[in-house]
């Protein structure tokens, strides 16, 4: 199975690298902070966005036609508005507006395979060491795994992470967190005060 781990420090480096590219900066920020699938991004419409009780929400239809609400943080919502202004699109929330949230230069909704390939292609050209020297190329799906990892680091339960990602089974979410949890639970952590380890001089 390919290594899809991407930690918060690495995501911050990627975001800083693309800070001056409003389209990619928005897309990477959105993917990392929501765990959305590329298909869900591409099929989202303005009518799916709402503002309720101080929060922005995006209703998406995931695998198996299961709907879920995704929290969009205010700073990320502002990036979406900047994205749309860049494309010459309106930013006003309107539940009667069935136009796509994200469009290409030509004003058409992204095809999810195109967007996924585009993100992979862009990231393959990134000059950051964390990208250049990876064993496996970065893809949009890495940001989905990153969402799960950071949520776990923030103390969130695997059940709620699973629900937020739209997973049918917690076992799928466990796979996302397997490497992180395996390292945290490694028996060698108990060696830090061992006589043998402390006898080794450098």
N, C-alpha and C. Protein backbone atom coordinates (compact mmCIF):
# COMPACT_ATOMS: atom_id res chain seq x y z
N UNK A 1 0.85 -1.19 0.00
CA UNK A 1 0.00 0.00 0.00
C UNK A 1 0.89 1.24 0.00
N UNK A 2 0.64 2.23 -0.87
CA UNK A 2 1.49 3.42 -0.92
C UNK A 2 1.41 4.23 0.36
N UNK A 3 2.53 4.89 0.69
CA UNK A 3 2.57 5.74 1.88
C UNK A 3 1.84 7.04 1.58
N UNK A 4 0.72 7.25 2.25
CA UNK A 4 -0.08 8.45 2.00
C UNK A 4 -0.05 9.40 3.20
N UNK A 5 0.88 9.17 4.12
CA UNK A 5 0.97 10.05 5.27
C UNK A 5 1.51 11.42 4.86
N UNK A 6 0.89 12.44 5.40
CA UNK A 6 1.31 13.82 5.17
C UNK A 6 0.97 14.56 6.45
N UNK A 7 1.98 15.04 7.17
CA UNK A 7 1.70 15.66 8.46
C UNK A 7 1.45 17.16 8.34
N UNK A 8 1.06 17.77 9.45
CA UNK A 8 0.68 19.19 9.42
C UNK A 8 1.85 20.08 9.02
N UNK A 9 3.07 19.76 9.49
CA UNK A 9 4.25 20.56 9.14
C UNK A 9 4.48 20.54 7.63
N UNK A 10 4.32 19.37 7.03
CA UNK A 10 4.52 19.23 5.59
C UNK A 10 3.45 19.98 4.80
N UNK A 11 2.21 19.91 5.28
CA UNK A 11 1.12 20.62 4.59
C UNK A 11 1.36 22.13 4.66
N UNK A 12 1.82 22.61 5.81
CA UNK A 12 2.12 24.04 5.94
C UNK A 12 3.20 24.45 4.94
N UNK A 13 4.21 23.61 4.78
CA UNK A 13 5.27 23.89 3.81
C UNK A 13 4.71 23.96 2.39
N UNK A 14 3.82 23.02 2.06
CA UNK A 14 3.21 23.01 0.72
C UNK A 14 2.35 24.25 0.51
N UNK A 15 1.56 24.59 1.53
CA UNK A 15 0.70 25.78 1.41
C UNK A 15 1.54 27.05 1.25
N UNK A 16 2.62 27.16 2.00
CA UNK A 16 3.49 28.33 1.88
C UNK A 16 4.12 28.40 0.49
N UNK A 17 4.43 27.25 -0.06
CA UNK A 17 5.05 27.19 -1.39
C UNK A 17 4.10 27.72 -2.46
N UNK A 18 2.79 27.45 -2.28
CA UNK A 18 1.79 27.87 -3.27
C UNK A 18 0.99 29.10 -2.83
N UNK A 19 1.52 29.82 -1.85
CA UNK A 19 0.81 30.97 -1.27
C UNK A 19 0.40 32.00 -2.34
N UNK A 20 1.23 32.18 -3.35
CA UNK A 20 0.96 33.19 -4.37
C UNK A 20 0.17 32.66 -5.57
N UNK A 21 -0.31 31.43 -5.44
CA UNK A 21 -1.13 30.83 -6.50
C UNK A 21 -2.54 30.62 -5.94
N UNK A 22 -3.44 31.61 -6.09
CA UNK A 22 -4.74 31.55 -5.40
C UNK A 22 -5.58 30.31 -5.72
N UNK A 23 -5.43 29.77 -6.92
CA UNK A 23 -6.23 28.58 -7.28
C UNK A 23 -5.75 27.36 -6.51
N UNK A 24 -4.44 27.10 -6.57
CA UNK A 24 -3.89 25.92 -5.89
C UNK A 24 -3.89 26.10 -4.37
N UNK A 25 -3.62 27.31 -3.91
CA UNK A 25 -3.62 27.57 -2.47
C UNK A 25 -5.00 27.29 -1.88
N UNK A 26 -6.03 27.71 -2.58
CA UNK A 26 -7.40 27.44 -2.14
C UNK A 26 -7.68 25.94 -2.15
N UNK A 27 -7.32 25.28 -3.25
CA UNK A 27 -7.64 23.86 -3.40
C UNK A 27 -6.94 23.02 -2.34
N UNK A 28 -5.66 23.28 -2.12
CA UNK A 28 -4.91 22.50 -1.13
C UNK A 28 -5.39 22.79 0.29
N UNK A 29 -5.72 24.05 0.57
CA UNK A 29 -6.25 24.41 1.89
C UNK A 29 -7.58 23.72 2.15
N UNK A 30 -8.43 23.70 1.13
CA UNK A 30 -9.74 23.05 1.24
C UNK A 30 -9.59 21.55 1.48
N UNK A 31 -8.77 20.90 0.68
CA UNK A 31 -8.60 19.45 0.80
C UNK A 31 -8.04 19.06 2.17
N UNK A 32 -7.04 19.83 2.64
CA UNK A 32 -6.39 19.49 3.90
C UNK A 32 -7.28 19.72 5.11
N UNK A 33 -8.14 20.72 5.06
CA UNK A 33 -8.95 21.07 6.24
C UNK A 33 -10.33 20.42 6.25
N UNK A 34 -10.67 19.70 5.18
CA UNK A 34 -11.99 19.07 5.12
C UNK A 34 -11.94 17.56 4.88
N UNK A 35 -10.86 17.09 4.25
CA UNK A 35 -10.79 15.67 3.90
C UNK A 35 -11.69 15.32 2.72
N UNK A 36 -12.12 16.31 1.96
CA UNK A 36 -13.00 16.05 0.81
C UNK A 36 -12.30 15.22 -0.25
N UNK A 37 -13.09 14.40 -0.94
CA UNK A 37 -12.59 13.69 -2.12
C UNK A 37 -12.63 14.65 -3.31
N UNK A 38 -11.77 14.40 -4.29
CA UNK A 38 -11.76 15.23 -5.50
C UNK A 38 -13.13 15.25 -6.17
N UNK A 39 -13.77 14.11 -6.22
CA UNK A 39 -15.10 14.02 -6.85
C UNK A 39 -16.10 14.91 -6.12
N UNK A 40 -16.00 14.95 -4.79
CA UNK A 40 -16.92 15.77 -4.01
C UNK A 40 -16.68 17.26 -4.25
N UNK A 41 -15.43 17.62 -4.40
CA UNK A 41 -15.10 19.02 -4.72
C UNK A 41 -15.70 19.41 -6.07
N UNK A 42 -15.53 18.53 -7.04
CA UNK A 42 -15.95 18.83 -8.41
C UNK A 42 -17.46 18.89 -8.58
N UNK A 43 -18.18 18.14 -7.79
CA UNK A 43 -19.65 18.10 -7.95
C UNK A 43 -20.37 19.08 -7.02
N UNK A 44 -19.62 19.80 -6.18
CA UNK A 44 -20.24 20.75 -5.25
C UNK A 44 -20.79 21.97 -5.98
N UNK A 45 -21.97 22.40 -5.57
CA UNK A 45 -22.62 23.56 -6.17
C UNK A 45 -22.77 24.67 -5.13
N UNK A 46 -22.97 25.88 -5.62
CA UNK A 46 -23.15 27.00 -4.70
C UNK A 46 -24.34 26.78 -3.77
N UNK A 47 -25.35 26.10 -4.26
CA UNK A 47 -26.54 25.82 -3.44
C UNK A 47 -26.23 24.85 -2.30
N UNK A 48 -25.09 24.18 -2.37
CA UNK A 48 -24.68 23.25 -1.31
C UNK A 48 -24.00 23.96 -0.15
N UNK A 49 -23.65 25.23 -0.35
CA UNK A 49 -22.99 26.02 0.68
C UNK A 49 -24.03 26.76 1.52
N UNK A 50 -23.81 26.78 2.83
CA UNK A 50 -24.74 27.52 3.70
C UNK A 50 -23.98 28.10 4.89
N UNK A 51 -24.60 29.07 5.52
CA UNK A 51 -24.04 29.69 6.73
C UNK A 51 -25.07 29.57 7.83
N UNK A 52 -24.75 28.79 8.86
CA UNK A 52 -25.69 28.54 9.94
C UNK A 52 -25.01 28.61 11.29
N UNK A 53 -25.58 29.40 12.19
CA UNK A 53 -25.08 29.53 13.56
C UNK A 53 -23.59 29.84 13.61
N UNK A 54 -23.16 30.73 12.73
CA UNK A 54 -21.77 31.18 12.76
C UNK A 54 -20.78 30.32 12.02
N UNK A 55 -21.26 29.27 11.35
CA UNK A 55 -20.36 28.38 10.63
C UNK A 55 -20.78 28.21 9.17
N UNK A 56 -19.80 28.01 8.31
CA UNK A 56 -20.07 27.69 6.91
C UNK A 56 -20.08 26.17 6.75
N UNK A 57 -21.07 25.68 6.00
CA UNK A 57 -21.21 24.24 5.78
C UNK A 57 -21.34 23.94 4.29
N UNK A 58 -20.78 22.82 3.90
CA UNK A 58 -20.91 22.34 2.53
C UNK A 58 -21.53 20.95 2.59
N UNK A 59 -22.68 20.79 1.96
CA UNK A 59 -23.33 19.47 1.90
C UNK A 59 -22.84 18.75 0.66
N UNK A 60 -22.24 17.59 0.87
CA UNK A 60 -21.71 16.82 -0.26
C UNK A 60 -22.35 15.44 -0.31
N UNK A 61 -22.30 14.85 -1.49
CA UNK A 61 -22.79 13.48 -1.67
C UNK A 61 -21.58 12.60 -1.94
N UNK A 62 -21.28 11.71 -1.00
CA UNK A 62 -20.10 10.85 -1.10
C UNK A 62 -20.42 9.51 -1.74
N UNK A 63 -19.55 8.56 -1.47
CA UNK A 63 -19.72 7.21 -2.02
C UNK A 63 -21.02 6.61 -1.50
N UNK A 64 -21.69 5.85 -2.36
CA UNK A 64 -22.96 5.24 -1.98
C UNK A 64 -24.08 6.24 -1.87
N UNK A 65 -23.89 7.43 -2.50
CA UNK A 65 -24.89 8.50 -2.47
C UNK A 65 -25.25 8.93 -1.05
N UNK A 66 -24.28 8.82 -0.15
CA UNK A 66 -24.51 9.23 1.23
C UNK A 66 -24.14 10.71 1.39
N UNK A 67 -25.11 11.48 1.87
CA UNK A 67 -24.87 12.92 2.07
C UNK A 67 -24.26 13.16 3.45
N UNK A 68 -23.39 14.16 3.51
CA UNK A 68 -22.85 14.58 4.81
C UNK A 68 -22.55 16.07 4.74
N UNK A 69 -22.53 16.69 5.90
CA UNK A 69 -22.20 18.11 5.99
C UNK A 69 -20.74 18.26 6.38
N UNK A 70 -20.04 19.11 5.65
CA UNK A 70 -18.61 19.34 5.88
C UNK A 70 -18.42 20.77 6.36
N UNK A 71 -17.73 20.93 7.48
CA UNK A 71 -17.47 22.25 8.03
C UNK A 71 -16.39 22.95 7.20
N UNK A 72 -16.69 24.16 6.75
CA UNK A 72 -15.72 24.97 6.02
C UNK A 72 -15.31 26.11 6.94
N UNK A 73 -14.06 26.11 7.38
CA UNK A 73 -13.59 27.16 8.28
C UNK A 73 -13.62 28.50 7.56
N UNK A 74 -13.81 29.57 8.33
CA UNK A 74 -14.03 30.88 7.72
C UNK A 74 -12.88 31.32 6.81
N UNK A 75 -11.63 31.08 7.23
CA UNK A 75 -10.51 31.49 6.39
C UNK A 75 -10.46 30.70 5.09
N UNK A 76 -10.92 29.46 5.13
CA UNK A 76 -10.97 28.64 3.91
C UNK A 76 -12.13 29.11 3.02
N UNK A 77 -13.25 29.48 3.65
CA UNK A 77 -14.36 30.02 2.87
C UNK A 77 -13.91 31.29 2.15
N UNK A 78 -13.12 32.12 2.82
CA UNK A 78 -12.62 33.34 2.18
C UNK A 78 -11.73 33.02 0.98
N UNK A 79 -10.98 31.92 1.08
CA UNK A 79 -10.15 31.49 -0.06
C UNK A 79 -11.03 31.03 -1.22
N UNK A 80 -12.15 30.38 -0.89
CA UNK A 80 -13.09 29.96 -1.94
C UNK A 80 -13.63 31.19 -2.66
N UNK A 81 -13.95 32.23 -1.88
CA UNK A 81 -14.43 33.47 -2.49
C UNK A 81 -13.37 34.09 -3.39
N UNK A 82 -12.12 34.07 -2.95
CA UNK A 82 -11.03 34.60 -3.76
C UNK A 82 -10.86 33.79 -5.05
N UNK A 83 -11.00 32.47 -4.92
CA UNK A 83 -10.94 31.59 -6.08
C UNK A 83 -12.00 31.99 -7.09
N UNK A 84 -13.23 32.17 -6.60
CA UNK A 84 -14.35 32.49 -7.48
C UNK A 84 -14.21 33.89 -8.09
N UNK A 85 -13.71 34.83 -7.31
CA UNK A 85 -13.49 36.18 -7.86
C UNK A 85 -12.43 36.13 -8.96
N UNK A 86 -11.44 35.29 -8.76
CA UNK A 86 -10.39 35.11 -9.77
C UNK A 86 -10.98 34.58 -11.08
N UNK A 87 -12.02 33.78 -10.95
CA UNK A 87 -12.69 33.21 -12.12
C UNK A 87 -13.81 34.11 -12.65
N UNK A 88 -14.04 35.24 -11.97
CA UNK A 88 -15.10 36.15 -12.40
C UNK A 88 -16.48 35.68 -12.01
N UNK A 89 -16.56 34.91 -10.91
CA UNK A 89 -17.84 34.35 -10.46
C UNK A 89 -18.32 35.06 -9.20
N UNK A 90 -19.64 35.01 -8.96
CA UNK A 90 -20.18 35.67 -7.77
C UNK A 90 -19.83 34.86 -6.52
N UNK A 91 -19.84 35.53 -5.39
CA UNK A 91 -19.49 34.87 -4.12
C UNK A 91 -20.65 34.85 -3.13
N UNK A 92 -21.80 35.33 -3.56
CA UNK A 92 -22.96 35.40 -2.67
C UNK A 92 -23.60 34.03 -2.50
N UNK A 93 -23.86 33.65 -1.25
CA UNK A 93 -24.53 32.38 -0.99
C UNK A 93 -25.98 32.46 -1.42
N UNK A 94 -26.40 31.45 -2.18
CA UNK A 94 -27.75 31.43 -2.73
C UNK A 94 -28.18 29.98 -2.90
N UNK A 95 -29.16 29.54 -2.10
CA UNK A 95 -29.55 28.13 -2.17
C UNK A 95 -30.30 27.78 -3.46
N UNK A 96 -30.51 28.78 -4.32
CA UNK A 96 -31.11 28.51 -5.62
C UNK A 96 -30.10 28.49 -6.75
N UNK A 97 -28.82 28.68 -6.40
CA UNK A 97 -27.75 28.74 -7.39
C UNK A 97 -27.12 27.36 -7.56
N UNK A 98 -27.46 26.69 -8.65
CA UNK A 98 -26.95 25.34 -8.89
C UNK A 98 -25.68 25.32 -9.74
N UNK A 99 -25.00 26.45 -9.84
CA UNK A 99 -23.74 26.48 -10.59
C UNK A 99 -22.63 25.86 -9.76
N UNK A 100 -21.61 25.27 -10.40
CA UNK A 100 -20.51 24.65 -9.65
C UNK A 100 -19.72 25.69 -8.86
N UNK A 101 -19.26 25.30 -7.68
CA UNK A 101 -18.46 26.21 -6.87
C UNK A 101 -17.11 26.45 -7.54
N UNK A 102 -16.50 25.37 -8.02
CA UNK A 102 -15.17 25.46 -8.61
C UNK A 102 -15.23 25.20 -10.11
N UNK A 103 -14.67 26.13 -10.86
CA UNK A 103 -14.68 25.97 -12.32
C UNK A 103 -13.28 26.15 -12.90
N UNK A 104 -13.13 25.66 -14.10
CA UNK A 104 -11.88 25.86 -14.84
C UNK A 104 -11.89 27.28 -15.41
N UNK A 105 -10.82 27.62 -16.12
CA UNK A 105 -10.73 28.94 -16.77
C UNK A 105 -11.88 29.19 -17.73
N UNK A 106 -12.40 28.10 -18.31
CA UNK A 106 -13.48 28.23 -19.29
C UNK A 106 -14.86 28.33 -18.64
N UNK A 107 -14.90 28.27 -17.31
CA UNK A 107 -16.17 28.40 -16.59
C UNK A 107 -16.93 27.11 -16.41
N UNK A 108 -16.32 25.99 -16.78
CA UNK A 108 -16.97 24.69 -16.63
C UNK A 108 -16.54 24.02 -15.33
N UNK A 109 -17.41 23.16 -14.82
CA UNK A 109 -17.07 22.40 -13.61
C UNK A 109 -15.87 21.51 -13.90
N UNK A 110 -15.01 21.33 -12.91
CA UNK A 110 -13.89 20.42 -13.07
C UNK A 110 -14.39 18.98 -13.22
N UNK A 111 -13.76 18.25 -14.09
CA UNK A 111 -13.92 16.80 -14.13
C UNK A 111 -13.01 16.25 -13.04
N UNK A 112 -13.51 15.34 -12.23
CA UNK A 112 -12.73 14.92 -11.06
C UNK A 112 -11.43 14.21 -11.44
N UNK A 113 -11.43 13.48 -12.54
CA UNK A 113 -10.19 12.82 -12.97
C UNK A 113 -9.17 13.85 -13.43
N UNK A 114 -9.68 14.87 -14.13
CA UNK A 114 -8.79 15.94 -14.58
C UNK A 114 -8.18 16.66 -13.39
N UNK A 115 -9.03 17.02 -12.39
CA UNK A 115 -8.54 17.74 -11.23
C UNK A 115 -7.53 16.91 -10.45
N UNK A 116 -7.83 15.63 -10.27
CA UNK A 116 -6.93 14.75 -9.55
C UNK A 116 -5.57 14.66 -10.27
N UNK A 117 -5.62 14.49 -11.58
CA UNK A 117 -4.38 14.39 -12.36
C UNK A 117 -3.62 15.72 -12.35
N UNK A 118 -4.37 16.82 -12.42
CA UNK A 118 -3.75 18.15 -12.41
C UNK A 118 -3.00 18.38 -11.10
N UNK A 119 -3.63 18.03 -9.98
CA UNK A 119 -3.00 18.20 -8.68
C UNK A 119 -1.73 17.35 -8.57
N UNK A 120 -1.82 16.10 -9.02
CA UNK A 120 -0.65 15.21 -9.00
C UNK A 120 0.48 15.78 -9.86
N UNK A 121 0.12 16.30 -11.02
CA UNK A 121 1.11 16.84 -11.95
C UNK A 121 1.78 18.08 -11.37
N UNK A 122 0.98 18.96 -10.78
CA UNK A 122 1.52 20.17 -10.17
C UNK A 122 2.47 19.82 -9.02
N UNK A 123 2.04 18.92 -8.16
CA UNK A 123 2.85 18.54 -7.01
C UNK A 123 4.14 17.84 -7.43
N UNK A 124 4.11 17.13 -8.55
CA UNK A 124 5.32 16.44 -9.02
C UNK A 124 6.42 17.42 -9.42
N UNK A 125 6.02 18.67 -9.71
CA UNK A 125 6.98 19.70 -10.11
C UNK A 125 7.41 20.59 -8.95
N UNK A 126 6.85 20.34 -7.76
CA UNK A 126 7.17 21.14 -6.58
C UNK A 126 8.63 20.91 -6.19
N UNK A 127 9.33 21.99 -5.87
CA UNK A 127 10.75 21.92 -5.57
C UNK A 127 11.06 21.68 -4.09
N UNK A 128 10.04 21.54 -3.26
CA UNK A 128 10.27 21.29 -1.84
C UNK A 128 10.93 19.92 -1.64
N UNK A 129 11.94 19.82 -0.76
CA UNK A 129 12.59 18.53 -0.49
C UNK A 129 11.61 17.44 -0.06
N UNK A 130 10.60 17.83 0.73
CA UNK A 130 9.64 16.83 1.22
C UNK A 130 8.86 16.18 0.07
N UNK A 131 8.78 16.88 -1.05
CA UNK A 131 8.10 16.34 -2.23
C UNK A 131 9.10 15.63 -3.15
N UNK A 132 10.22 16.26 -3.39
CA UNK A 132 11.22 15.74 -4.34
C UNK A 132 11.78 14.40 -3.90
N UNK A 133 11.92 14.21 -2.60
CA UNK A 133 12.60 13.01 -2.11
C UNK A 133 11.67 11.98 -1.49
N UNK A 134 10.38 12.11 -1.78
CA UNK A 134 9.42 11.09 -1.34
C UNK A 134 9.59 9.83 -2.16
N UNK A 135 9.25 8.69 -1.54
CA UNK A 135 9.30 7.42 -2.27
C UNK A 135 8.11 7.27 -3.21
N UNK A 136 7.00 7.92 -2.85
CA UNK A 136 5.80 7.86 -3.67
C UNK A 136 5.33 9.27 -3.99
N UNK A 137 4.81 9.51 -5.19
CA UNK A 137 4.37 10.86 -5.54
C UNK A 137 3.16 11.30 -4.73
N UNK A 138 3.07 12.61 -4.49
CA UNK A 138 1.92 13.16 -3.77
C UNK A 138 0.71 13.26 -4.68
N UNK A 139 -0.46 13.01 -4.12
CA UNK A 139 -1.72 13.12 -4.85
C UNK A 139 -2.74 13.88 -4.00
N UNK A 140 -3.87 14.18 -4.57
CA UNK A 140 -4.94 14.85 -3.82
C UNK A 140 -5.37 14.00 -2.63
N UNK A 141 -5.30 12.70 -2.77
CA UNK A 141 -5.77 11.80 -1.71
C UNK A 141 -4.91 11.90 -0.45
N UNK A 142 -3.65 12.32 -0.62
CA UNK A 142 -2.79 12.50 0.55
C UNK A 142 -3.38 13.52 1.52
N UNK A 143 -4.05 14.53 1.00
CA UNK A 143 -4.64 15.56 1.86
C UNK A 143 -5.80 14.98 2.67
N UNK A 144 -6.47 14.00 2.11
CA UNK A 144 -7.57 13.33 2.84
C UNK A 144 -7.00 12.55 4.03
N UNK A 145 -5.90 11.86 3.79
CA UNK A 145 -5.24 11.15 4.89
C UNK A 145 -4.73 12.15 5.93
N UNK A 146 -4.21 13.27 5.44
CA UNK A 146 -3.69 14.30 6.33
C UNK A 146 -4.79 14.82 7.26
N UNK A 147 -5.99 14.99 6.72
CA UNK A 147 -7.12 15.44 7.54
C UNK A 147 -7.34 14.47 8.71
N UNK A 148 -7.29 13.19 8.42
CA UNK A 148 -7.50 12.18 9.46
C UNK A 148 -6.37 12.23 10.50
N UNK A 149 -5.14 12.37 10.04
CA UNK A 149 -3.99 12.40 10.94
C UNK A 149 -4.02 13.62 11.85
N UNK A 150 -4.29 14.79 11.28
CA UNK A 150 -4.32 16.01 12.08
C UNK A 150 -5.51 16.00 13.06
N UNK A 151 -6.64 15.47 12.61
CA UNK A 151 -7.80 15.36 13.51
C UNK A 151 -7.47 14.48 14.70
N UNK A 152 -6.74 13.39 14.44
CA UNK A 152 -6.31 12.50 15.52
C UNK A 152 -5.35 13.22 16.45
N UNK A 153 -4.42 13.98 15.89
CA UNK A 153 -3.47 14.75 16.70
C UNK A 153 -4.19 15.77 17.58
N UNK A 154 -5.33 16.28 17.09
CA UNK A 154 -6.10 17.26 17.85
C UNK A 154 -6.98 16.60 18.92
N UNK A 155 -6.88 15.28 19.02
CA UNK A 155 -7.61 14.56 20.06
C UNK A 155 -8.99 14.08 19.67
N UNK A 156 -9.30 14.14 18.37
CA UNK A 156 -10.62 13.72 17.92
C UNK A 156 -10.72 12.20 17.91
N UNK A 157 -11.93 11.68 18.15
CA UNK A 157 -12.13 10.23 18.18
C UNK A 157 -12.15 9.68 16.76
N UNK A 158 -11.75 8.43 16.63
CA UNK A 158 -11.73 7.80 15.31
C UNK A 158 -13.15 7.70 14.75
N UNK A 159 -14.14 7.56 15.63
CA UNK A 159 -15.54 7.49 15.17
C UNK A 159 -15.93 8.78 14.47
N UNK A 160 -15.62 9.92 15.10
CA UNK A 160 -16.01 11.20 14.52
C UNK A 160 -15.18 11.52 13.27
N UNK A 161 -13.93 11.11 13.27
CA UNK A 161 -13.10 11.29 12.07
C UNK A 161 -13.70 10.51 10.91
N UNK A 162 -14.10 9.26 11.20
CA UNK A 162 -14.69 8.40 10.19
C UNK A 162 -15.96 9.00 9.62
N UNK A 163 -16.83 9.51 10.49
CA UNK A 163 -18.07 10.14 10.04
C UNK A 163 -17.80 11.38 9.20
N UNK A 164 -16.83 12.17 9.62
CA UNK A 164 -16.51 13.41 8.91
C UNK A 164 -15.95 13.13 7.52
N UNK A 165 -15.25 12.01 7.36
CA UNK A 165 -14.68 11.65 6.07
C UNK A 165 -15.69 10.93 5.17
N UNK A 166 -16.82 10.52 5.75
CA UNK A 166 -17.82 9.80 4.97
C UNK A 166 -17.47 8.34 4.76
N UNK A 167 -16.69 7.77 5.69
CA UNK A 167 -16.35 6.35 5.61
C UNK A 167 -17.51 5.50 6.10
N UNK A 168 -17.75 4.41 5.43
CA UNK A 168 -18.80 3.49 5.89
C UNK A 168 -18.33 2.68 7.09
N UNK A 169 -17.01 2.48 7.18
CA UNK A 169 -16.46 1.64 8.23
C UNK A 169 -15.29 2.33 8.92
N UNK A 170 -15.23 2.18 10.23
CA UNK A 170 -14.11 2.73 11.00
C UNK A 170 -12.81 2.04 10.59
N UNK A 171 -12.91 0.80 10.08
CA UNK A 171 -11.71 0.08 9.65
C UNK A 171 -10.96 0.85 8.55
N UNK A 172 -11.71 1.50 7.66
CA UNK A 172 -11.08 2.28 6.60
C UNK A 172 -10.31 3.45 7.21
N UNK A 173 -10.91 4.11 8.18
CA UNK A 173 -10.25 5.22 8.86
C UNK A 173 -9.01 4.73 9.59
N UNK A 174 -9.07 3.53 10.16
CA UNK A 174 -7.93 2.96 10.88
C UNK A 174 -6.73 2.80 9.96
N UNK A 175 -6.99 2.45 8.70
CA UNK A 175 -5.92 2.30 7.72
C UNK A 175 -5.21 3.65 7.51
N UNK A 176 -6.01 4.71 7.46
CA UNK A 176 -5.46 6.06 7.29
C UNK A 176 -4.49 6.41 8.42
N UNK A 177 -4.80 5.92 9.62
CA UNK A 177 -4.03 6.28 10.81
C UNK A 177 -3.02 5.22 11.23
N UNK A 178 -2.94 4.12 10.46
CA UNK A 178 -2.15 2.96 10.88
C UNK A 178 -0.69 3.29 11.17
N UNK A 179 -0.03 3.98 10.25
CA UNK A 179 1.40 4.26 10.43
C UNK A 179 1.64 5.17 11.63
N UNK A 180 0.82 6.22 11.77
CA UNK A 180 0.95 7.15 12.89
C UNK A 180 0.77 6.42 14.22
N UNK A 181 -0.29 5.61 14.30
CA UNK A 181 -0.58 4.91 15.55
C UNK A 181 0.48 3.85 15.86
N UNK A 182 0.98 3.18 14.81
CA UNK A 182 2.02 2.17 15.01
C UNK A 182 3.28 2.79 15.59
N UNK A 183 3.64 3.97 15.12
CA UNK A 183 4.83 4.65 15.64
C UNK A 183 4.61 5.11 17.08
N UNK A 184 3.41 5.62 17.35
CA UNK A 184 3.11 6.09 18.71
C UNK A 184 3.14 4.94 19.72
N UNK A 185 2.72 3.74 19.25
CA UNK A 185 2.61 2.58 20.14
C UNK A 185 3.83 1.67 20.09
N UNK A 186 4.89 2.13 19.41
CA UNK A 186 6.10 1.31 19.30
C UNK A 186 6.70 1.05 20.68
N UNK A 187 7.06 -0.20 20.93
CA UNK A 187 7.57 -0.60 22.24
C UNK A 187 8.86 0.14 22.62
N UNK A 188 9.59 0.61 21.62
CA UNK A 188 10.87 1.27 21.90
C UNK A 188 10.71 2.56 22.69
N UNK A 189 9.49 3.15 22.69
CA UNK A 189 9.28 4.35 23.49
C UNK A 189 9.53 4.09 24.97
N UNK A 190 9.29 2.85 25.41
CA UNK A 190 9.46 2.50 26.82
C UNK A 190 10.93 2.37 27.21
N UNK A 191 11.81 2.41 26.24
CA UNK A 191 13.24 2.26 26.49
C UNK A 191 13.92 3.55 26.95
N UNK A 192 13.24 4.66 26.92
CA UNK A 192 13.90 5.95 27.15
C UNK A 192 14.61 6.04 28.49
N UNK A 193 14.14 5.30 29.48
CA UNK A 193 14.80 5.30 30.79
C UNK A 193 15.49 3.97 31.10
N UNK A 194 15.72 3.17 30.04
CA UNK A 194 16.32 1.86 30.26
C UNK A 194 17.81 1.97 30.55
N UNK A 195 18.35 1.06 31.37
CA UNK A 195 19.77 1.06 31.72
C UNK A 195 20.62 0.82 30.49
N UNK A 196 20.16 -0.10 29.63
CA UNK A 196 20.95 -0.42 28.44
C UNK A 196 21.08 0.80 27.52
N UNK A 197 19.96 1.44 27.22
CA UNK A 197 19.99 2.58 26.31
C UNK A 197 20.85 3.71 26.86
N UNK A 198 20.71 3.95 28.16
CA UNK A 198 21.46 5.04 28.78
C UNK A 198 22.94 4.73 28.95
N UNK A 199 23.31 3.46 28.78
CA UNK A 199 24.72 3.09 28.87
C UNK A 199 25.46 3.32 27.55
N UNK A 200 24.70 3.58 26.49
CA UNK A 200 25.31 3.80 25.18
C UNK A 200 25.78 5.25 25.09
N UNK A 201 27.06 5.43 24.89
CA UNK A 201 27.63 6.78 24.82
C UNK A 201 27.84 7.21 23.39
N UNK A 202 27.65 8.50 23.13
CA UNK A 202 27.89 9.04 21.79
C UNK A 202 29.04 10.04 21.84
